[in-house]
N, C-alpha and C. Protein backbone atom coordinates (compact mmCIF):
# COMPACT_ATOMS: atom_id res chain seq x y z
N MET A 1 0.50 -1.06 -0.08
CA MET A 1 -0.08 -0.20 -0.22
C MET A 1 0.89 1.70 -0.01
N ARG A 2 0.80 1.74 -0.77
CA ARG A 2 1.13 3.04 -0.96
C ARG A 2 1.03 4.51 0.01
N ALA A 3 1.56 5.31 0.32
CA ALA A 3 1.27 5.76 1.82
C ALA A 3 0.98 7.95 0.64
N LEU A 4 0.66 8.68 2.07
CA LEU A 4 0.26 9.63 1.81
C LEU A 4 0.48 10.54 3.31
N GLU A 5 1.39 11.78 3.18
CA GLU A 5 2.07 12.54 3.97
C GLU A 5 1.36 13.59 3.50
N LEU A 6 0.40 14.09 5.07
CA LEU A 6 0.40 15.56 4.37
C LEU A 6 1.16 16.99 5.17
N GLY A 7 0.96 18.33 4.24
CA GLY A 7 2.08 18.88 4.76
C GLY A 7 3.76 18.42 4.98
N THR A 8 4.38 19.16 5.93
CA THR A 8 5.82 19.00 6.23
C THR A 8 5.34 18.26 7.70
N PRO A 9 6.56 17.14 8.39
CA PRO A 9 6.36 16.83 9.58
C PRO A 9 6.93 17.65 10.07
N GLY A 10 6.22 17.51 11.13
CA GLY A 10 5.94 18.19 12.59
C GLY A 10 4.29 18.69 12.88
N PRO A 11 4.47 20.30 13.48
CA PRO A 11 3.09 20.20 13.95
C PRO A 11 2.20 20.42 12.87
N MET A 12 2.42 21.01 11.57
CA MET A 12 1.25 20.97 9.83
C MET A 12 1.04 19.83 10.02
N ARG A 13 2.07 18.66 9.54
CA ARG A 13 1.09 17.04 9.57
C ARG A 13 0.14 16.32 10.33
N ALA A 14 0.51 17.38 12.06
CA ALA A 14 -0.06 16.49 12.90
C ALA A 14 -1.92 17.40 12.71
N GLU A 15 -1.87 18.16 12.65
CA GLU A 15 -2.74 19.30 12.57
C GLU A 15 -3.73 18.83 11.51
N LEU A 16 -3.02 18.71 10.40
CA LEU A 16 -3.41 17.80 8.85
C LEU A 16 -4.06 16.65 8.94
N ASN A 17 -3.19 15.52 9.59
CA ASN A 17 -4.05 14.45 10.10
C ASN A 17 -5.38 14.50 10.64
N ALA A 18 -5.17 15.40 11.52
CA ALA A 18 -6.10 15.01 13.02
C ALA A 18 -7.54 15.99 12.10
N LEU A 19 -7.41 17.31 11.36
CA LEU A 19 -8.34 17.67 10.01
C LEU A 19 -9.40 16.06 9.38
N VAL A 20 -8.13 14.85 9.00
CA VAL A 20 -8.76 14.61 7.75
C VAL A 20 -9.64 13.38 9.41
N LEU A 21 -8.77 12.84 10.23
CA LEU A 21 -9.91 12.09 10.90
C LEU A 21 -11.59 12.23 12.09
N ALA A 22 -11.33 13.97 11.77
CA ALA A 22 -12.20 14.39 12.55
C ALA A 22 -12.99 14.16 11.95
N GLY A 23 -12.76 14.51 9.90
CA GLY A 23 -13.70 14.22 8.99
C GLY A 23 -14.30 15.72 8.40
N HIS A 24 -12.92 16.71 8.95
CA HIS A 24 -12.76 17.67 8.28
C HIS A 24 -12.49 18.21 6.53
N LYS A 25 -11.14 17.10 6.79
CA LYS A 25 -10.19 17.39 5.59
C LYS A 25 -10.35 16.59 4.76
N VAL A 26 -10.99 16.36 3.43
CA VAL A 26 -11.68 15.29 2.50
C VAL A 26 -10.74 15.54 1.35
N ALA A 27 -10.13 16.42 1.52
CA ALA A 27 -9.20 16.61 -0.41
C ALA A 27 -7.65 17.37 -0.13
N THR A 28 -6.99 17.52 -0.90
CA THR A 28 -5.59 18.01 -1.04
C THR A 28 -5.31 18.05 -2.05
N THR A 29 -3.98 19.14 -2.00
CA THR A 29 -3.46 19.27 -3.62
C THR A 29 -1.82 19.64 -3.27
N GLY A 30 -1.54 18.88 -4.28
CA GLY A 30 0.08 18.58 -4.57
C GLY A 30 0.21 19.40 -6.23
N LEU A 31 1.76 18.99 -6.06
CA LEU A 31 2.53 19.65 -7.36
C LEU A 31 2.84 18.85 -8.43
N LEU A 32 2.40 18.73 -9.75
CA LEU A 32 2.11 17.81 -10.17
C LEU A 32 3.40 17.52 -10.94
N ALA A 33 4.57 18.58 -10.55
CA ALA A 33 5.85 17.74 -10.77
C ALA A 33 6.76 17.53 -9.21
N GLU A 34 6.02 17.41 -8.09
CA GLU A 34 6.69 16.26 -7.55
C GLU A 34 6.47 14.86 -7.53
N TYR A 35 5.72 14.32 -8.78
CA TYR A 35 5.29 13.24 -8.61
C TYR A 35 6.24 12.76 -9.29
N GLY A 36 6.84 13.84 -10.50
CA GLY A 36 7.61 13.06 -11.10
C GLY A 36 9.17 13.38 -10.69
N ALA A 37 9.54 14.13 -9.15
CA ALA A 37 11.01 14.59 -9.05
C ALA A 37 10.89 13.22 -8.26
N GLU A 38 9.76 12.71 -7.27
CA GLU A 38 9.51 11.46 -6.69
C GLU A 38 9.37 10.17 -7.60
N THR A 39 9.29 10.05 -8.88
CA THR A 39 9.21 9.00 -9.57
C THR A 39 7.87 8.26 -9.40
N GLU A 40 6.96 8.76 -8.97
CA GLU A 40 6.04 8.70 -7.93
C GLU A 40 4.31 8.16 -9.02
N GLY A 41 3.63 7.59 -9.30
CA GLY A 41 2.84 7.34 -10.44
C GLY A 41 1.33 8.05 -9.39
N LEU A 42 0.21 8.96 -10.23
CA LEU A 42 -0.79 9.51 -9.43
C LEU A 42 -1.53 8.18 -9.06
N GLU A 43 -2.08 8.92 -8.02
CA GLU A 43 -2.79 7.90 -6.86
C GLU A 43 -4.61 7.91 -8.51
N TYR A 44 -5.18 6.96 -8.41
CA TYR A 44 -5.80 6.78 -9.04
C TYR A 44 -7.75 6.79 -7.70
N ALA A 45 -9.07 7.17 -8.45
CA ALA A 45 -9.69 6.43 -8.00
C ALA A 45 -9.79 5.02 -7.40
N GLY A 46 -10.39 4.78 -5.82
CA GLY A 46 -10.10 3.50 -5.14
C GLY A 46 -9.30 3.20 -4.71
N GLU A 47 -8.27 3.44 -5.51
CA GLU A 47 -6.63 3.21 -4.04
C GLU A 47 -6.66 3.99 -2.76
N ARG A 48 -6.15 2.87 -2.38
CA ARG A 48 -6.28 2.98 -1.07
C ARG A 48 -4.80 3.45 0.01
N LEU A 49 -4.98 3.93 0.65
CA LEU A 49 -3.36 5.02 1.00
C LEU A 49 -3.48 4.53 2.42
N ALA A 50 -2.49 4.53 2.64
CA ALA A 50 -2.08 4.85 4.66
C ALA A 50 -1.24 6.09 4.49
N LEU A 51 -2.04 6.74 5.88
CA LEU A 51 -1.38 8.06 6.04
C LEU A 51 -1.26 7.82 7.07
N LEU A 52 -0.10 8.81 6.73
CA LEU A 52 1.27 8.54 8.00
C LEU A 52 0.98 9.55 8.38
N GLY A 53 1.58 9.03 9.59
CA GLY A 53 1.85 10.43 11.24
C GLY A 53 3.10 10.68 11.11
N ASN A 54 3.62 12.05 11.89
CA ASN A 54 5.39 12.06 12.44
C ASN A 54 5.86 11.15 12.28
N ASP A 55 5.24 10.20 13.37
CA ASP A 55 6.49 8.55 13.02
C ASP A 55 6.50 7.69 12.13
N GLY A 56 6.06 8.18 11.02
CA GLY A 56 6.04 6.89 10.53
C GLY A 56 4.74 6.27 9.64
N GLN A 57 4.64 5.61 10.68
CA GLN A 57 3.04 5.31 11.06
C GLN A 57 2.09 5.44 10.57
N ALA A 58 0.94 4.61 10.35
CA ALA A 58 -0.45 5.10 9.08
C ALA A 58 -1.04 5.22 10.74
N VAL A 59 -1.41 6.59 10.15
CA VAL A 59 -2.54 6.97 11.40
C VAL A 59 -3.85 6.33 11.19
N ALA A 60 -4.05 6.41 9.64
CA ALA A 60 -5.59 5.69 8.94
C ALA A 60 -5.01 4.99 7.78
N THR A 61 -6.52 4.81 6.87
CA THR A 61 -6.16 4.24 5.82
C THR A 61 -7.52 5.26 4.85
N VAL A 62 -6.69 5.76 3.95
CA VAL A 62 -7.99 6.56 2.73
C VAL A 62 -7.80 6.14 1.94
N GLU A 63 -9.51 6.58 1.22
CA GLU A 63 -9.76 5.77 -0.29
C GLU A 63 -9.31 7.03 -1.52
N ILE A 64 -9.32 7.04 -2.38
CA ILE A 64 -8.91 7.88 -3.18
C ILE A 64 -10.22 7.73 -3.54
N THR A 65 -10.68 9.34 -4.06
CA THR A 65 -12.16 9.50 -4.36
C THR A 65 -12.75 9.88 -5.44
N GLY A 66 -11.11 10.23 -5.78
CA GLY A 66 -11.24 11.50 -7.34
C GLY A 66 -9.85 12.05 -7.22
N VAL A 67 -9.60 12.04 -8.67
CA VAL A 67 -7.96 12.75 -8.93
C VAL A 67 -8.61 13.82 -10.28
N GLU A 68 -7.28 14.80 -10.23
CA GLU A 68 -8.05 15.49 -11.42
C GLU A 68 -6.64 16.57 -11.87
N ILE A 69 -6.06 16.67 -12.58
CA ILE A 69 -4.98 17.65 -13.14
C ILE A 69 -5.48 18.65 -13.64
N LYS A 70 -4.96 20.52 -13.12
CA LYS A 70 -5.84 21.08 -13.22
C LYS A 70 -4.59 22.37 -12.62
N THR A 71 -4.30 23.69 -13.58
CA THR A 71 -3.64 24.03 -13.50
C THR A 71 -4.40 25.21 -11.70
N PHE A 72 -3.35 25.56 -11.15
CA PHE A 72 -3.50 26.00 -9.85
C PHE A 72 -4.62 27.02 -10.05
N GLY A 73 -4.64 28.53 -11.42
CA GLY A 73 -5.72 28.88 -11.76
C GLY A 73 -7.26 28.23 -11.92
N GLU A 74 -7.34 27.41 -11.89
CA GLU A 74 -8.49 26.76 -12.14
C GLU A 74 -9.00 25.48 -10.67
N VAL A 75 -8.60 25.43 -9.92
CA VAL A 75 -8.95 25.00 -8.82
C VAL A 75 -9.51 26.05 -7.76
N THR A 76 -11.64 25.20 -7.69
CA THR A 76 -12.32 25.94 -7.33
C THR A 76 -12.27 25.78 -5.64
N TRP A 77 -13.69 26.75 -5.54
CA TRP A 77 -14.07 27.19 -3.98
C TRP A 77 -14.46 25.44 -3.54
N GLU A 78 -15.16 24.67 -4.32
CA GLU A 78 -15.17 23.24 -3.57
C GLU A 78 -14.50 22.97 -3.59
N HIS A 79 -12.95 22.07 -4.41
CA HIS A 79 -11.97 21.45 -4.02
C HIS A 79 -11.51 22.61 -2.15
N ALA A 80 -10.83 23.51 -2.90
CA ALA A 80 -10.00 24.42 -1.12
C ALA A 80 -10.90 24.57 0.02
N ARG A 81 -12.38 24.36 -0.44
CA ARG A 81 -12.94 24.00 1.14
C ARG A 81 -12.87 22.54 1.46
N ALA A 82 -13.23 22.25 0.50
CA ALA A 82 -13.13 20.36 0.87
C ALA A 82 -11.59 20.08 1.55
N GLU A 83 -10.79 21.19 1.21
CA GLU A 83 -9.32 20.55 2.77
C GLU A 83 -9.59 20.80 3.53
N GLY A 84 -11.09 21.48 3.72
CA GLY A 84 -10.81 21.33 5.69
C GLY A 84 -10.03 22.91 6.53
N GLU A 85 -9.51 22.88 5.99
CA GLU A 85 -7.92 24.02 6.51
C GLU A 85 -8.57 25.00 7.74
N GLY A 86 -9.64 25.14 6.72
CA GLY A 86 -10.27 27.08 7.47
C GLY A 86 -10.53 28.38 6.90
N ASP A 87 -10.33 27.74 5.85
CA ASP A 87 -10.23 28.84 4.49
C ASP A 87 -11.45 29.37 4.18
N THR A 88 -11.38 30.70 4.23
CA THR A 88 -13.38 31.44 4.07
C THR A 88 -12.86 32.26 2.49
N SER A 89 -11.95 31.70 1.84
CA SER A 89 -12.08 32.22 0.62
C SER A 89 -11.19 31.28 -0.16
N LEU A 90 -11.35 31.28 -2.28
CA LEU A 90 -10.19 30.97 -2.61
C LEU A 90 -9.32 31.39 -3.10
N GLU A 91 -9.09 33.18 -2.11
CA GLU A 91 -8.31 33.77 -2.49
C GLU A 91 -7.24 32.87 -1.36
N GLU A 92 -7.72 33.14 0.16
CA GLU A 92 -6.79 33.05 0.56
C GLU A 92 -6.52 31.84 0.76
N TRP A 93 -6.99 30.50 0.08
CA TRP A 93 -6.23 29.07 0.11
C TRP A 93 -5.61 29.13 -0.76
N ARG A 94 -5.52 30.32 -2.24
CA ARG A 94 -4.28 30.66 -3.20
C ARG A 94 -3.23 30.70 -2.30
N ASN A 95 -3.26 31.65 -1.80
CA ASN A 95 -2.57 32.35 -1.22
C ASN A 95 -2.09 31.89 0.12
N GLY A 96 -2.19 31.13 0.96
CA GLY A 96 -1.60 29.93 1.99
C GLY A 96 -1.05 28.96 1.17
N HIS A 97 -1.11 28.20 0.38
CA HIS A 97 -0.47 27.00 -0.62
C HIS A 97 0.22 28.25 -1.44
N ARG A 98 0.47 29.60 -1.60
CA ARG A 98 1.23 29.94 -2.68
C ARG A 98 2.21 30.03 -1.93
N ALA A 99 2.02 30.44 -0.19
CA ALA A 99 3.17 30.64 0.95
C ALA A 99 4.26 28.80 0.92
N PHE A 100 3.47 28.60 1.26
CA PHE A 100 3.92 26.82 1.19
C PHE A 100 4.73 26.64 0.27
N TRP A 101 4.42 26.62 -0.71
CA TRP A 101 5.33 26.10 -1.97
C TRP A 101 6.32 27.19 -2.03
N GLU A 102 6.26 28.76 -1.93
CA GLU A 102 7.65 28.54 -1.95
C GLU A 102 8.23 28.26 -1.58
N ALA A 103 7.61 28.77 0.10
CA ALA A 103 8.46 28.59 1.48
C ALA A 103 9.50 27.00 1.13
N SER A 104 9.36 25.98 0.10
CA SER A 104 9.54 24.62 0.38
C SER A 104 10.09 24.98 -1.41
N ASN A 105 10.90 26.14 -1.41
CA ASN A 105 11.83 26.36 -2.92
C ASN A 105 10.92 25.87 -4.18
N SER A 106 8.88 25.91 -4.39
CA SER A 106 8.44 25.36 -5.62
C SER A 106 7.26 26.29 -6.08
N PRO A 107 8.11 27.73 -6.61
CA PRO A 107 7.07 29.02 -6.00
C PRO A 107 5.64 28.59 -7.61
N VAL A 108 4.57 28.57 -6.81
CA VAL A 108 4.01 28.53 -8.30
C VAL A 108 3.15 29.86 -8.88
N ASP A 109 2.61 29.93 -9.98
CA ASP A 109 1.46 31.31 -10.43
C ASP A 109 0.61 30.43 -10.90
N ASP A 110 -0.59 30.65 -11.66
CA ASP A 110 -1.82 30.26 -11.73
C ASP A 110 -1.86 28.88 -13.22
N ALA A 111 -0.82 29.05 -13.97
CA ALA A 111 -0.28 28.09 -14.90
C ALA A 111 0.46 26.89 -14.75
N THR A 112 0.73 26.73 -13.12
CA THR A 112 1.13 25.65 -12.32
C THR A 112 0.45 24.61 -12.41
N LEU A 113 0.83 23.51 -13.18
CA LEU A 113 -1.16 21.59 -13.06
C LEU A 113 -0.06 21.54 -11.48
N VAL A 114 -1.13 21.57 -10.84
CA VAL A 114 -1.82 20.99 -9.54
C VAL A 114 -2.54 19.21 -9.76
N VAL A 115 -2.23 18.52 -9.30
CA VAL A 115 -3.19 17.52 -9.03
C VAL A 115 -3.83 17.47 -7.53
N CYS A 116 -5.61 17.35 -7.31
CA CYS A 116 -6.45 18.05 -6.99
C CYS A 116 -6.60 16.43 -6.40
N LEU A 117 -6.78 15.62 -4.90
CA LEU A 117 -7.36 14.58 -4.62
C LEU A 117 -8.44 14.56 -3.68
N ALA A 118 -9.27 13.81 -3.83
CA ALA A 118 -10.62 13.68 -2.43
C ALA A 118 -10.40 12.26 -2.16
N PHE A 119 -10.44 12.12 -0.87
CA PHE A 119 -10.65 10.88 -0.55
C PHE A 119 -11.19 10.93 1.14
N LYS A 120 -11.68 9.62 1.58
CA LYS A 120 -12.28 9.19 2.31
C LYS A 120 -11.72 9.12 3.11
N VAL A 121 -12.23 8.70 5.11
CA VAL A 121 -11.20 7.65 5.72
C VAL A 121 -12.25 6.70 5.32
N VAL A 122 -11.18 5.58 5.41
CA VAL A 122 -11.67 4.11 5.29
C VAL A 122 -11.15 3.05 6.77
N SER A 123 -10.43 3.32 7.03
CA SER A 123 -10.51 3.21 8.25
C SER A 123 -9.07 3.79 9.39
N SER A 124 -9.33 3.88 10.78
CA SER A 124 -8.40 4.48 11.69
C SER A 124 -8.04 3.45 12.47
N ALA A 125 -6.51 4.20 12.90
CA ALA A 125 -5.48 3.54 13.68
C ALA A 125 -5.80 3.38 15.32
N GLY A 126 -6.42 4.51 15.00
CA GLY A 126 -6.75 4.62 16.44
C GLY A 126 -7.86 4.25 17.32
């Protein structure tokens, strides 16, 4: 089973995983370029992934319910809201994601290709 690691290790990952386990976070967005850099194929609907915590252990199993490749500028408010991170507008979501990726030396613009994943928790390790 492949793994899903949200955010960066530490408090961010713990917070994002807690949102998933509480049912608030049912989507995430990644850079398409990172799939190539990691030589990893795209997820697919029906695939189950181990959601990993900071210790590298599975905290849950999630099932992918949707996969879309689009430009950063095409990401919808519906998807952004499904990420469940408390953003109150698409602009706020975009600004937060731009800042995150810029801090990771992966600046984005509206034409940057991203992978929008939707998922559901099918079991938790707790």
